[in-house]
């Protein structure tokens, strides 16, 4: 058993609960990309498929997709933790 990483780069209806600011808890909802993957990760942990110390996050407008620069002159990324539901950064 060893470390591994799953990376999915996509475009879709992401970024729920955008009024939440840095450090606040986000409500992903059931029919959202975040909510879907949160549920998948929780199921995989509860079934012993992956370890309970798993980390999972959604990075909105990842810098590496934009050559180091973000759209709309954003200076930092917004990251939602799929397990704690805490947001880093603000829309």
Protein backbone atom coordinates (compact mmCIF):
# COMPACT_ATOMS: atom_id res chain seq x y z
CA UNK A 1 0.00 0.00 0.00
CA UNK A 2 1.35 3.41 -0.91
CA UNK A 3 0.48 6.97 -1.73
CA UNK A 4 -1.37 7.79 -4.91
CA UNK A 5 -3.12 10.79 -6.39
CA UNK A 6 -6.17 11.17 -8.60
CA UNK A 7 -6.37 14.44 -10.54
CA UNK A 8 -9.41 15.51 -12.57
CA UNK A 9 -9.31 18.77 -14.51
CA UNK A 10 -12.73 19.77 -15.78
CA UNK A 11 -15.13 22.62 -16.45
CA UNK A 12 -18.60 22.67 -14.96
CA UNK A 13 -21.06 24.16 -12.50
CA UNK A 14 -18.63 24.41 -9.61
CA UNK A 15 -18.25 26.90 -6.79
CA UNK A 16 -21.41 26.55 -4.77
CA UNK A 17 -22.19 28.76 -1.79
CA UNK A 18 -20.03 31.57 -3.19
CA UNK A 19 -21.04 34.00 -0.47
CA UNK A 20 -18.92 31.99 1.99
CA UNK A 21 -15.54 33.54 2.67
CA UNK A 22 -12.11 32.30 3.68
CA UNK A 23 -12.33 29.80 6.57
CA UNK A 24 -16.11 29.38 6.42
CA UNK A 25 -17.95 26.07 5.93
CA UNK A 26 -19.41 25.57 2.45
CA UNK A 27 -22.67 23.75 1.65
CA UNK A 28 -21.87 21.83 -1.54
CA UNK A 29 -25.36 20.44 -2.07
CA UNK A 30 -26.17 17.05 -3.56
CA UNK A 31 -26.31 17.82 -7.28
CA UNK A 32 -23.01 19.66 -7.58
CA UNK A 33 -19.55 18.50 -8.64
CA UNK A 34 -18.25 19.09 -5.11
CA UNK A 35 -21.16 17.27 -3.48
CA UNK A 36 -20.84 14.30 -5.84
CA UNK A 37 -17.12 13.80 -5.26
CA UNK A 38 -17.44 14.43 -1.51
CA UNK A 39 -19.94 11.57 -1.33
CA UNK A 40 -17.70 9.29 -3.43
CA UNK A 41 -14.71 9.98 -1.19
CA UNK A 42 -16.70 9.43 2.01
CA UNK A 43 -18.02 6.11 0.63
CA UNK A 44 -14.54 4.98 -0.37
CA UNK A 45 -13.25 5.78 3.13
CA UNK A 46 -16.15 4.02 4.87
CA UNK A 47 -15.67 0.92 2.66
CA UNK A 48 -11.93 0.79 3.36
CA UNK A 49 -11.01 1.46 -0.28
CA UNK A 50 -8.92 4.48 0.70
CA UNK A 51 -7.49 5.54 4.05
CA UNK A 52 -9.22 7.82 6.51
CA UNK A 53 -6.32 10.29 6.32
CA UNK A 54 -7.22 11.06 2.70
CA UNK A 55 -7.14 14.69 1.61
CA UNK A 56 -9.50 15.93 -1.10
CA UNK A 57 -9.97 19.43 -2.46
CA UNK A 58 -11.42 21.42 -5.32
CA UNK A 59 -9.17 24.15 -6.69
CA UNK A 60 -11.14 26.86 -8.48
CA UNK A 61 -9.21 28.38 -11.36
CA UNK A 62 -5.99 26.41 -10.79
CA UNK A 63 -2.91 28.46 -11.61
CA UNK A 64 -1.33 25.71 -13.68
CA UNK A 65 -4.27 25.81 -16.13
CA UNK A 66 -3.65 29.50 -16.82
CA UNK A 67 0.11 29.70 -17.13
CA UNK A 68 0.43 31.04 -13.58
CA UNK A 69 -2.18 33.79 -13.98
CA UNK A 70 -5.83 33.71 -13.02
CA UNK A 71 -8.76 35.13 -14.94
CA UNK A 72 -10.32 38.38 -13.75
CA UNK A 73 -6.99 39.45 -12.21
CA UNK A 74 -7.45 37.13 -9.22
CA UNK A 75 -4.24 36.96 -7.23
CA UNK A 76 -4.96 33.71 -5.41
CA UNK A 77 -6.79 30.44 -5.88
CA UNK A 78 -9.94 29.45 -4.05
CA UNK A 79 -9.72 25.98 -2.53
CA UNK A 80 -12.62 24.01 -1.05
CA UNK A 81 -11.76 21.06 1.19
CA UNK A 82 -14.18 18.27 0.30
CA UNK A 83 -13.94 16.57 3.71
CA UNK A 84 -13.99 19.50 6.14
CA UNK A 85 -16.05 21.70 3.75
CA UNK A 86 -13.85 24.68 4.66
CA UNK A 87 -12.98 27.28 2.03
CA UNK A 88 -9.60 28.92 1.60
CA UNK A 89 -9.87 32.20 -0.27
CA UNK A 90 -12.98 34.04 -1.41
CA UNK A 91 -14.86 34.46 -4.66
